[in-house]
Amino acid sequence: MPDIPGGFDGADTPRITVVRSPACHQCDSALRTLGWLRNVMPMRVDVVEATSDDGARLVAEHRAPMSPLVLLDGEFVSSGKLRTGRLLDLLRAHGYTVPLEAIR
């Protein structure tokens, strides 16, 4: 699995799951965005390959038509291009503090 630079890991931090496909430029873009975001706020980022059993299960469960599938604490965020604003809105809705630096 690719390593996402920077950030924090802990029990009280949001858990972002990215189900990625091979050679997927949208997946690479989402992982870059999440890597940057981890440098400004605590979060855990797990990367799951779409070709794995877990990845295939998550894609089927969330009926994701495009890659990457992005989940926040197990709940659907997006399929395809990751919209940073939507993710930040959902983080706030889940009760997480989103620092001003996270808003570009």
PDB file of N, CA and C in Angstrom:
ATOM      1  N   MET A   1       0.830  -1.183   0.000  1.00  0.00           N
ATOM      2  CA  MET A   1       0.000   0.000   0.000  1.00  0.00           C
ATOM      3  C   MET A   1       0.876   1.249   0.000  1.00  0.00           C
ATOM      4  N   PRO A   2       0.440   2.304  -0.695  1.00  0.00           N
ATOM      5  CA  PRO A   2       1.219   3.531  -0.702  1.00  0.00           C
ATOM      6  C   PRO A   2       1.225   4.175   0.683  1.00  0.00           C
ATOM      7  N   ASP A   3       2.338   4.806   1.016  1.00  0.00           N
ATOM      8  CA  ASP A   3       2.442   5.506   2.289  1.00  0.00           C
ATOM      9  C   ASP A   3       2.029   6.952   2.074  1.00  0.00           C
ATOM     10  N   ILE A   4       1.194   7.461   2.976  1.00  0.00           N
ATOM     11  CA  ILE A   4       0.771   8.856   2.912  1.00  0.00           C
ATOM     12  C   ILE A   4       1.664   9.628   3.873  1.00  0.00           C
ATOM     13  N   PRO A   5       2.451  10.603   3.377  1.00  0.00           N
ATOM     14  CA  PRO A   5       3.371  11.313   4.260  1.00  0.00           C
ATOM     15  C   PRO A   5       2.658  12.226   5.242  1.00  0.00           C
ATOM     16  N   GLY A   6       3.293  12.447   6.380  1.00  0.00           N
ATOM     17  CA  GLY A   6       2.803  13.414   7.354  1.00  0.00           C
ATOM     18  C   GLY A   6       1.630  12.909   8.147  1.00  0.00           C
ATOM     19  N   GLY A   7       1.164  13.760   9.044  1.00  0.00           N
ATOM     20  CA  GLY A   7      -0.075  13.489   9.741  1.00  0.00           C
ATOM     21  C   GLY A   7       0.063  12.791  11.065  1.00  0.00           C
ATOM     22  N   PHE A   8      -1.087  12.433  11.600  1.00  0.00           N
ATOM     23  CA  PHE A   8      -1.221  11.870  12.927  1.00  0.00           C
ATOM     24  C   PHE A   8      -2.044  10.597  12.840  1.00  0.00           C
ATOM     25  N   ASP A   9      -1.914   9.747  13.811  1.00  0.00           N
ATOM     26  CA  ASP A   9      -2.775   8.581  13.953  1.00  0.00           C
ATOM     27  C   ASP A   9      -3.207   8.507  15.403  1.00  0.00           C
ATOM     28  N   GLY A  10      -4.487   8.273  15.647  1.00  0.00           N
ATOM     29  CA  GLY A  10      -4.971   8.174  17.004  1.00  0.00           C
ATOM     30  C   GLY A  10      -6.419   7.737  17.029  1.00  0.00           C
ATOM     31  N   ALA A  11      -6.887   7.366  18.212  1.00  0.00           N
ATOM     32  CA  ALA A  11      -8.235   6.830  18.354  1.00  0.00           C
ATOM     33  C   ALA A  11      -9.314   7.884  18.151  1.00  0.00           C
ATOM     34  N   ASP A  12      -9.021   9.160  18.484  1.00  0.00           N
ATOM     35  CA  ASP A  12     -10.031  10.209  18.390  1.00  0.00           C
ATOM     36  C   ASP A  12      -9.926  11.005  17.102  1.00  0.00           C
ATOM     37  N   THR A  13      -9.277  10.465  16.109  1.00  0.00           N
ATOM     38  CA  THR A  13      -9.114  11.163  14.842  1.00  0.00           C
ATOM     39  C   THR A  13     -10.016  10.531  13.788  1.00  0.00           C
ATOM     40  N   PRO A  14     -10.404  11.305  12.781  1.00  0.00           N
ATOM     41  CA  PRO A  14     -11.212  10.737  11.710  1.00  0.00           C
ATOM     42  C   PRO A  14     -10.437   9.655  10.964  1.00  0.00           C
ATOM     43  N   ARG A  15     -11.156   8.671  10.493  1.00  0.00           N
ATOM     44  CA  ARG A  15     -10.539   7.593   9.713  1.00  0.00           C
ATOM     45  C   ARG A  15     -11.056   7.693   8.283  1.00  0.00           C
ATOM     46  N   ILE A  16     -10.143   7.976   7.383  1.00  0.00           N
ATOM     47  CA  ILE A  16     -10.463   8.085   5.964  1.00  0.00           C
ATOM     48  C   ILE A  16      -9.983   6.798   5.294  1.00  0.00           C
ATOM     49  N   THR A  17     -10.863   6.171   4.544  1.00  0.00           N
ATOM     50  CA  THR A  17     -10.499   4.981   3.783  1.00  0.00           C
ATOM     51  C   THR A  17     -10.582   5.328   2.303  1.00  0.00           C
ATOM     52  N   VAL A  18      -9.521   5.025   1.577  1.00  0.00           N
ATOM     53  CA  VAL A  18      -9.477   5.250   0.140  1.00  0.00           C
ATOM     54  C   VAL A  18      -9.342   3.896  -0.535  1.00  0.00           C
ATOM     55  N   VAL A  19     -10.325   3.553  -1.356  1.00  0.00           N
ATOM     56  CA  VAL A  19     -10.258   2.321  -2.143  1.00  0.00           C
ATOM     57  C   VAL A  19      -9.788   2.748  -3.529  1.00  0.00           C
ATOM     58  N   ARG A  20      -8.566   2.334  -3.855  1.00  0.00           N
ATOM     59  CA  ARG A  20      -7.950   2.798  -5.100  1.00  0.00           C
ATOM     60  C   ARG A  20      -7.810   1.682  -6.125  1.00  0.00           C
ATOM     61  N   SER A  21      -7.764   2.097  -7.375  1.00  0.00           N
ATOM     62  CA  SER A  21      -7.549   1.177  -8.492  1.00  0.00           C
ATOM     63  C   SER A  21      -6.156   1.412  -9.056  1.00  0.00           C
ATOM     64  N   PRO A  22      -5.595   0.401  -9.716  1.00  0.00           N
ATOM     65  CA  PRO A  22      -4.273   0.572 -10.323  1.00  0.00           C
ATOM     66  C   PRO A  22      -4.308   1.647 -11.423  1.00  0.00           C
ATOM     67  N   ALA A  23      -3.224   2.411 -11.532  1.00  0.00           N
ATOM     68  CA  ALA A  23      -3.050   3.419 -12.584  1.00  0.00           C
ATOM     69  C   ALA A  23      -4.219   4.400 -12.647  1.00  0.00           C
ATOM     70  N   CYS A  24      -4.687   4.845 -11.497  1.00  0.00           N
ATOM     71  CA  CYS A  24      -5.846   5.744 -11.412  1.00  0.00           C
ATOM     72  C   CYS A  24      -5.370   7.140 -11.019  1.00  0.00           C
ATOM     73  N   HIS A  25      -5.446   8.092 -11.953  1.00  0.00           N
ATOM     74  CA  HIS A  25      -4.959   9.442 -11.650  1.00  0.00           C
ATOM     75  C   HIS A  25      -5.839  10.148 -10.624  1.00  0.00           C
ATOM     76  N   GLN A  26      -7.132   9.840 -10.578  1.00  0.00           N
ATOM     77  CA  GLN A  26      -8.004  10.427  -9.557  1.00  0.00           C
ATOM     78  C   GLN A  26      -7.631   9.895  -8.168  1.00  0.00           C
ATOM     79  N   CYS A  27      -7.233   8.635  -8.108  1.00  0.00           N
ATOM     80  CA  CYS A  27      -6.780   8.035  -6.840  1.00  0.00           C
ATOM     81  C   CYS A  27      -5.517   8.735  -6.360  1.00  0.00           C
ATOM     82  N   ASP A  28      -4.572   8.943  -7.271  1.00  0.00           N
ATOM     83  CA  ASP A  28      -3.321   9.621  -6.923  1.00  0.00           C
ATOM     84  C   ASP A  28      -3.597  11.044  -6.431  1.00  0.00           C
ATOM     85  N   SER A  29      -4.507  11.725  -7.094  1.00  0.00           N
ATOM     86  CA  SER A  29      -4.867  13.086  -6.701  1.00  0.00           C
ATOM     87  C   SER A  29      -5.500  13.108  -5.307  1.00  0.00           C
ATOM     88  N   ALA A  30      -6.404  12.179  -5.042  1.00  0.00           N
ATOM     89  CA  ALA A  30      -7.050  12.101  -3.722  1.00  0.00           C
ATOM     90  C   ALA A  30      -6.024  11.823  -2.634  1.00  0.00           C
ATOM     91  N   LEU A  31      -5.081  10.934  -2.900  1.00  0.00           N
ATOM     92  CA  LEU A  31      -4.053  10.607  -1.911  1.00  0.00           C
ATOM     93  C   LEU A  31      -3.123  11.788  -1.656  1.00  0.00           C
ATOM     94  N   ARG A  32      -2.812  12.563  -2.696  1.00  0.00           N
ATOM     95  CA  ARG A  32      -2.001  13.779  -2.502  1.00  0.00           C
ATOM     96  C   ARG A  32      -2.760  14.784  -1.629  1.00  0.00           C
ATOM     97  N   THR A  33      -4.047  14.980  -1.917  1.00  0.00           N
ATOM     98  CA  THR A  33      -4.866  15.901  -1.138  1.00  0.00           C
ATOM     99  C   THR A  33      -4.935  15.464   0.321  1.00  0.00           C
ATOM    100  N   LEU A  34      -5.158  14.181   0.554  1.00  0.00           N
ATOM    101  CA  LEU A  34      -5.242  13.668   1.926  1.00  0.00           C
ATOM    102  C   LEU A  34      -3.896  13.756   2.638  1.00  0.00           C
ATOM    103  N   GLY A  35      -2.810  13.547   1.909  1.00  0.00           N
ATOM    104  CA  GLY A  35      -1.478  13.699   2.494  1.00  0.00           C
ATOM    105  C   GLY A  35      -1.254  15.127   2.950  1.00  0.00           C
ATOM    106  N   TRP A  36      -1.659  16.095   2.131  1.00  0.00           N
ATOM    107  CA  TRP A  36      -1.540  17.501   2.519  1.00  0.00           C
ATOM    108  C   TRP A  36      -2.431  17.790   3.731  1.00  0.00           C
ATOM    109  N   LEU A  37      -3.656  17.292   3.705  1.00  0.00           N
ATOM    110  CA  LEU A  37      -4.603  17.549   4.791  1.00  0.00           C
ATOM    111  C   LEU A  37      -4.116  16.962   6.113  1.00  0.00           C
ATOM    112  N   ARG A  38      -3.467  15.803   6.052  1.00  0.00           N
ATOM    113  CA  ARG A  38      -2.918  15.188   7.279  1.00  0.00           C
ATOM    114  C   ARG A  38      -1.848  16.042   7.920  1.00  0.00           C
ATOM    115  N   ASN A  39      -1.239  16.931   7.160  1.00  0.00           N
ATOM    116  CA  ASN A  39      -0.223  17.817   7.729  1.00  0.00           C
ATOM    117  C   ASN A  39      -0.838  18.974   8.502  1.00  0.00           C
ATOM    118  N   VAL A  40      -2.133  19.243   8.314  1.00  0.00           N
ATOM    119  CA  VAL A  40      -2.763  20.365   9.004  1.00  0.00           C
ATOM    120  C   VAL A  40      -3.807  19.938  10.020  1.00  0.00           C
ATOM    121  N   MET A  41      -4.202  18.661  10.011  1.00  0.00           N
ATOM    122  CA  MET A  41      -5.151  18.185  11.018  1.00  0.00           C
ATOM    123  C   MET A  41      -4.968  16.688  11.245  1.00  0.00           C
ATOM    124  N   PRO A  42      -5.256  16.230  12.454  1.00  0.00           N
ATOM    125  CA  PRO A  42      -5.097  14.807  12.737  1.00  0.00           C
ATOM    126  C   PRO A  42      -6.110  13.975  11.968  1.00  0.00           C
ATOM    127  N   MET A  43      -5.645  12.929  11.340  1.00  0.00           N
ATOM    128  CA  MET A  43      -6.526  11.967  10.672  1.00  0.00           C
ATOM    129  C   MET A  43      -5.744  10.705  10.342  1.00  0.00           C
ATOM    130  N   ARG A  44      -6.476   9.622  10.230  1.00  0.00           N
ATOM    131  CA  ARG A  44      -5.883   8.347   9.828  1.00  0.00           C
ATOM    132  C   ARG A  44      -6.345   8.073   8.406  1.00  0.00           C
ATOM    133  N   VAL A  45      -5.422   7.715   7.536  1.00  0.00           N
ATOM    134  CA  VAL A  45      -5.753   7.405   6.144  1.00  0.00           C
ATOM    135  C   VAL A  45      -5.347   5.961   5.868  1.00  0.00           C
ATOM    136  N   ASP A  46      -6.344   5.152   5.520  1.00  0.00           N
ATOM    137  CA  ASP A  46      -6.102   3.763   5.132  1.00  0.00           C
ATOM    138  C   ASP A  46      -6.330   3.636   3.636  1.00  0.00           C
ATOM    139  N   VAL A  47      -5.404   2.978   2.951  1.00  0.00           N
ATOM    140  CA  VAL A  47      -5.524   2.760   1.513  1.00  0.00           C
ATOM    141  C   VAL A  47      -5.784   1.281   1.286  1.00  0.00           C
ATOM    142  N   VAL A  48      -6.860   0.988   0.540  1.00  0.00           N
ATOM    143  CA  VAL A  48      -7.242  -0.380   0.231  1.00  0.00           C
ATOM    144  C   VAL A  48      -7.272  -0.518  -1.289  1.00  0.00           C
ATOM    145  N   GLU A  49      -6.651  -1.548  -1.794  1.00  0.00           N
ATOM    146  CA  GLU A  49      -6.673  -1.789  -3.241  1.00  0.00           C
ATOM    147  C   GLU A  49      -8.041  -2.330  -3.652  1.00  0.00           C
ATOM    148  N   ALA A  50      -8.595  -1.790  -4.728  1.00  0.00           N
ATOM    149  CA  ALA A  50      -9.911  -2.223  -5.215  1.00  0.00           C
ATOM    150  C   ALA A  50      -9.904  -3.693  -5.626  1.00  0.00           C
ATOM    151  N   THR A  51      -8.747  -4.215  -5.971  1.00  0.00           N
ATOM    152  CA  THR A  51      -8.646  -5.605  -6.407  1.00  0.00           C
ATOM    153  C   THR A  51      -8.564  -6.590  -5.239  1.00  0.00           C
ATOM    154  N   SER A  52      -8.433  -6.073  -4.018  1.00  0.00           N
ATOM    155  CA  SER A  52      -8.390  -6.949  -2.840  1.00  0.00           C
ATOM    156  C   SER A  52      -9.813  -7.358  -2.452  1.00  0.00           C
ATOM    157  N   ASP A  53      -9.928  -8.371  -1.603  1.00  0.00           N
ATOM    158  CA  ASP A  53     -11.250  -8.799  -1.136  1.00  0.00           C
ATOM    159  C   ASP A  53     -11.974  -7.676  -0.403  1.00  0.00           C
ATOM    160  N   ASP A  54     -11.261  -6.980   0.501  1.00  0.00           N
ATOM    161  CA  ASP A  54     -11.873  -5.861   1.227  1.00  0.00           C
ATOM    162  C   ASP A  54     -12.277  -4.741   0.280  1.00  0.00           C
ATOM    163  N   GLY A  55     -11.405  -4.415  -0.669  1.00  0.00           N
ATOM    164  CA  GLY A  55     -11.708  -3.360  -1.628  1.00  0.00           C
ATOM    165  C   GLY A  55     -12.927  -3.687  -2.468  1.00  0.00           C
ATOM    166  N   ALA A  56     -13.006  -4.915  -2.979  1.00  0.00           N
ATOM    167  CA  ALA A  56     -14.160  -5.326  -3.789  1.00  0.00           C
ATOM    168  C   ALA A  56     -15.441  -5.294  -2.960  1.00  0.00           C
ATOM    169  N   ARG A  57     -15.342  -5.691  -1.690  1.00  0.00           N
ATOM    170  CA  ARG A  57     -16.520  -5.666  -0.814  1.00  0.00           C
ATOM    171  C   ARG A  57     -17.005  -4.235  -0.596  1.00  0.00           C
ATOM    172  N   LEU A  58     -16.075  -3.322  -0.335  1.00  0.00           N
ATOM    173  CA  LEU A  58     -16.444  -1.924  -0.101  1.00  0.00           C
ATOM    174  C   LEU A  58     -17.041  -1.281  -1.358  1.00  0.00           C
ATOM    175  N   VAL A  59     -16.460  -1.551  -2.509  1.00  0.00           N
ATOM    176  CA  VAL A  59     -16.989  -1.012  -3.770  1.00  0.00           C
ATOM    177  C   VAL A  59     -18.409  -1.514  -3.995  1.00  0.00           C
ATOM    178  N   ALA A  60     -18.643  -2.810  -3.775  1.00  0.00           N
ATOM    179  CA  ALA A  60     -19.988  -3.373  -3.955  1.00  0.00           C
ATOM    180  C   ALA A  60     -20.964  -2.817  -2.922  1.00  0.00           C
ATOM    181  N   GLU A  61     -20.528  -2.726  -1.675  1.00  0.00           N
ATOM    182  CA  GLU A  61     -21.389  -2.248  -0.594  1.00  0.00           C
ATOM    183  C   GLU A  61     -21.841  -0.804  -0.814  1.00  0.00           C
ATOM    184  N   HIS A  62     -20.916   0.046  -1.308  1.00  0.00           N
ATOM    185  CA  HIS A  62     -21.229   1.461  -1.504  1.00  0.00           C
ATOM    186  C   HIS A  62     -21.616   1.784  -2.946  1.00  0.00           C
ATOM    187  N   ARG A  63     -21.639   0.756  -3.784  1.00  0.00           N
ATOM    188  CA  ARG A  63     -22.047   0.881  -5.188  1.00  0.00           C
ATOM    189  C   ARG A  63     -21.292   1.998  -5.898  1.00  0.00           C
ATOM    190  N   ALA A  64     -19.988   1.989  -5.703  1.00  0.00           N
ATOM    191  CA  ALA A  64     -19.130   3.040  -6.259  1.00  0.00           C
ATOM    192  C   ALA A  64     -18.856   2.778  -7.739  1.00  0.00           C
ATOM    193  N   PRO A  65     -19.319   3.670  -8.621  1.00  0.00           N
ATOM    194  CA  PRO A  65     -19.101   3.452 -10.050  1.00  0.00           C
ATOM    195  C   PRO A  65     -17.716   3.868 -10.540  1.00  0.00           C
ATOM    196  N   MET A  66     -17.008   4.700  -9.753  1.00  0.00           N
ATOM    197  CA  MET A  66     -15.701   5.208 -10.165  1.00  0.00           C
ATOM    198  C   MET A  66     -14.716   5.124  -9.014  1.00  0.00           C
ATOM    199  N   SER A  67     -13.438   5.164  -9.360  1.00  0.00           N
ATOM    200  CA  SER A  67     -12.383   5.184  -8.351  1.00  0.00           C
ATOM    201  C   SER A  67     -11.841   6.596  -8.233  1.00  0.00           C
ATOM    202  N   PRO A  68     -11.397   6.958  -7.045  1.00  0.00           N
ATOM    203  CA  PRO A  68     -11.384   6.184  -5.815  1.00  0.00           C
ATOM    204  C   PRO A  68     -12.712   6.288  -5.069  1.00  0.00           C
ATOM    205  N   LEU A  69     -12.972   5.287  -4.273  1.00  0.00           N
ATOM    206  CA  LEU A  69     -14.062   5.341  -3.300  1.00  0.00           C
ATOM    207  C   LEU A  69     -13.440   5.891  -2.027  1.00  0.00           C
ATOM    208  N   VAL A  70     -14.045   6.939  -1.455  1.00  0.00           N
ATOM    209  CA  VAL A  70     -13.524   7.551  -0.234  1.00  0.00           C
ATOM    210  C   VAL A  70     -14.604   7.462   0.836  1.00  0.00           C
ATOM    211  N   LEU A  71     -14.206   6.967   2.016  1.00  0.00           N
ATOM    212  CA  LEU A  71     -15.114   6.817   3.149  1.00  0.00           C
ATOM    213  C   LEU A  71     -14.576   7.598   4.336  1.00  0.00           C
ATOM    214  N   LEU A  72     -15.483   8.144   5.133  1.00  0.00           N
ATOM    215  CA  LEU A  72     -15.140   8.806   6.385  1.00  0.00           C
ATOM    216  C   LEU A  72     -15.782   8.011   7.501  1.00  0.00           C
ATOM    217  N   ASP A  73     -14.971   7.430   8.358  1.00  0.00           N
ATOM    218  CA  ASP A  73     -15.466   6.588   9.453  1.00  0.00           C
ATOM    219  C   ASP A  73     -16.456   5.539   8.928  1.00  0.00           C
ATOM    220  N   GLY A  74     -16.151   4.985   7.752  1.00  0.00           N
ATOM    221  CA  GLY A  74     -16.957   3.935   7.159  1.00  0.00           C
ATOM    222  C   GLY A  74     -18.156   4.409   6.352  1.00  0.00           C
ATOM    223  N   GLU A  75     -18.387   5.720   6.299  1.00  0.00           N
ATOM    224  CA  GLU A  75     -19.528   6.274   5.561  1.00  0.00           C
ATOM    225  C   GLU A  75     -19.065   6.891   4.249  1.00  0.00           C
ATOM    226  N   PHE A  76     -19.891   6.773   3.222  1.00  0.00           N
ATOM    227  CA  PHE A  76     -19.587   7.262   1.880  1.00  0.00           C
ATOM    228  C   PHE A  76     -19.303   8.765   1.881  1.00  0.00           C
ATOM    229  N   VAL A  77     -18.194   9.133   1.228  1.00  0.00           N
ATOM    230  CA  VAL A  77     -17.866  10.536   0.990  1.00  0.00           C
ATOM    231  C   VAL A  77     -17.966  10.827  -0.497  1.00  0.00           C
ATOM    232  N   SER A  78     -17.271  10.003  -1.304  1.00  0.00           N
ATOM    233  CA  SER A  78     -17.265  10.253  -2.744  1.00  0.00           C
ATOM    234  C   SER A  78     -16.806   9.035  -3.516  1.00  0.00           C
ATOM    235  N   SER A  79     -17.109   9.085  -4.797  1.00  0.00           N
ATOM    236  CA  SER A  79     -16.640   8.108  -5.767  1.00  0.00           C
ATOM    237  C   SER A  79     -16.180   8.925  -6.963  1.00  0.00           C
ATOM    238  N   GLY A  80     -14.950   8.703  -7.398  1.00  0.00           N
ATOM    239  CA  GLY A  80     -14.393   9.545  -8.448  1.00  0.00           C
ATOM    240  C   GLY A  80     -13.619  10.685  -7.824  1.00  0.00           C
ATOM    241  N   LYS A  81     -13.622  11.835  -8.460  1.00  0.00           N
ATOM    242  CA  LYS A  81     -12.846  12.987  -7.985  1.00  0.00           C
ATOM    243  C   LYS A  81     -13.246  13.360  -6.561  1.00  0.00           C
ATOM    244  N   LEU A  82     -12.243  13.444  -5.688  1.00  0.00           N
ATOM    245  CA  LEU A  82     -12.476  13.835  -4.302  1.00  0.00           C
ATOM    246  C   LEU A  82     -12.692  15.335  -4.235  1.00  0.00           C
ATOM    247  N   ARG A  83     -13.832  15.736  -3.715  1.00  0.00           N
ATOM    248  CA  ARG A  83     -14.148  17.158  -3.516  1.00  0.00           C
ATOM    249  C   ARG A  83     -13.743  17.521  -2.087  1.00  0.00           C
ATOM    250  N   THR A  84     -12.673  18.281  -1.972  1.00  0.00           N
ATOM    251  CA  THR A  84     -12.123  18.613  -0.657  1.00  0.00           C
ATOM    252  C   THR A  84     -13.137  19.350   0.201  1.00  0.00           C
ATOM    253  N   GLY A  85     -13.878  20.273  -0.384  1.00  0.00           N
ATOM    254  CA  GLY A  85     -14.880  21.024   0.373  1.00  0.00           C
ATOM    255  C   GLY A  85     -15.936  20.121   0.978  1.00  0.00           C
ATOM    256  N   ARG A  86     -16.388  19.131   0.223  1.00  0.00           N
ATOM    257  CA  ARG A  86     -17.380  18.181   0.744  1.00  0.00           C
ATOM    258  C   ARG A  86     -16.791  17.381   1.899  1.00  0.00           C
ATOM    259  N   LEU A  87     -15.550  16.942   1.753  1.00  0.00           N
ATOM    260  CA  LEU A  87     -14.909  16.195   2.828  1.00  0.00           C
ATOM    261  C   LEU A  87     -14.799  17.051   4.092  1.00  0.00           C
ATOM    262  N   LEU A  88     -14.385  18.295   3.944  1.00  0.00           N
ATOM    263  CA  LEU A  88     -14.261  19.177   5.105  1.00  0.00           C
ATOM    264  C   LEU A  88     -15.617  19.421   5.760  1.00  0.00           C
ATOM    265  N   ASP A  89     -16.667  19.592   4.950  1.00  0.00           N
ATOM    266  CA  ASP A  89     -18.025  19.747   5.495  1.00  0.00           C
ATOM    267  C   ASP A  89     -18.444  18.515   6.284  1.00  0.00           C
ATOM    268  N   LEU A  90     -18.157  17.329   5.752  1.00  0.00           N
ATOM    269  CA  LEU A  90     -18.519  16.086   6.445  1.00  0.00           C
ATOM    270  C   LEU A  90     -17.707  15.903   7.723  1.00  0.00           C
ATOM    271  N   LEU A  91     -16.440  16.286   7.692  1.00  0.00           N
ATOM    272  CA  LEU A  91     -15.628  16.220   8.913  1.00  0.00           C
ATOM    273  C   LEU A  91     -16.256  17.078  10.007  1.00  0.00           C
ATOM    274  N   ARG A  92     -16.660  18.297   9.658  1.00  0.00           N
ATOM    275  CA  ARG A  92     -17.310  19.179  10.638  1.00  0.00           C
ATOM    276  C   ARG A  92     -18.636  18.584  11.102  1.00  0.00           C
ATOM    277  N   ALA A  93     -19.412  18.028  10.183  1.00  0.00           N
ATOM    278  CA  ALA A  93     -20.704  17.428  10.532  1.00  0.00           C
ATOM    279  C   ALA A  93     -20.533  16.242  11.482  1.00  0.00           C
ATOM    280  N   HIS A  94     -19.392  15.554  11.388  1.00  0.00           N
ATOM    281  CA  HIS A  94     -19.098  14.428  12.278  1.00  0.00           C
ATOM    282  C   HIS A  94     -18.520  14.886  13.606  1.00  0.00           C
ATOM    283  N   GLY A  95     -18.367  16.205  13.780  1.00  0.00           N
ATOM    284  CA  GLY A  95     -17.892  16.740  15.046  1.00  0.00           C
ATOM    285  C   GLY A  95     -16.396  16.949  15.151  1.00  0.00           C
ATOM    286  N   TYR A  96     -15.676  16.789  14.040  1.00  0.00           N
ATOM    287  CA  TYR A  96     -14.232  16.999  14.061  1.00  0.00           C
ATOM    288  C   TYR A  96     -13.924  18.475  13.857  1.00  0.00           C
ATOM    289  N   THR A  97     -12.870  18.937  14.500  1.00  0.00           N
ATOM    290  CA  THR A  97     -12.422  20.310  14.334  1.00  0.00           C
ATOM    291  C   THR A  97     -11.596  20.409  13.063  1.00  0.00           C
ATOM    292  N   VAL A  98     -11.992  21.300  12.185  1.00  0.00           N
ATOM    293  CA  VAL A  98     -11.268  21.516  10.939  1.00  0.00           C
ATOM    294  C   VAL A  98     -10.563  22.869  11.048  1.00  0.00           C
ATOM    295  N   PRO A  99      -9.222  22.876  11.111  1.00  0.00           N
ATOM    296  CA  PRO A  99      -8.513  24.139  11.265  1.00  0.00           C
ATOM    297  C   PRO A  99      -8.616  24.987   9.998  1.00  0.00           C
ATOM    298  N   LEU A 100      -8.465  26.261  10.169  1.00  0.00           N
ATOM    299  CA  LEU A 100      -8.541  27.202   9.056  1.00  0.00           C
ATOM    300  C   LEU A 100      -7.527  26.861   7.962  1.00  0.00           C
ATOM    301  N   GLU A 101      -6.374  26.325   8.349  1.00  0.00           N
ATOM    302  CA  GLU A 101      -5.339  25.969   7.364  1.00  0.00           C
ATOM    303  C   GLU A 101      -5.813  24.894   6.379  1.00  0.00           C
ATOM    304  N   ALA A 102      -6.858  24.143   6.759  1.00  0.00           N
ATOM    305  CA  ALA A 102      -7.349  23.076   5.881  1.00  0.00           C
ATOM    306  C   ALA A 102      -8.169  23.615   4.728  1.00  0.00           C
ATOM    307  N   ILE A 103      -8.606  24.855   4.856  1.00  0.00           N
ATOM    308  CA  ILE A 103      -9.440  25.451   3.815  1.00  0.00           C
ATOM    309  C   ILE A 103      -8.528  26.199   2.860  1.00  0.00           C
ATOM    310  N   ARG A 104      -8.507  25.745   1.609  1.00  0.00           N
ATOM    311  CA  ARG A 104      -7.635  26.379   0.607  1.00  0.00           C
ATOM    312  C   ARG A 104      -8.431  27.354  -0.213  1.00  0.00           C
TER     313      ARG A 104
END
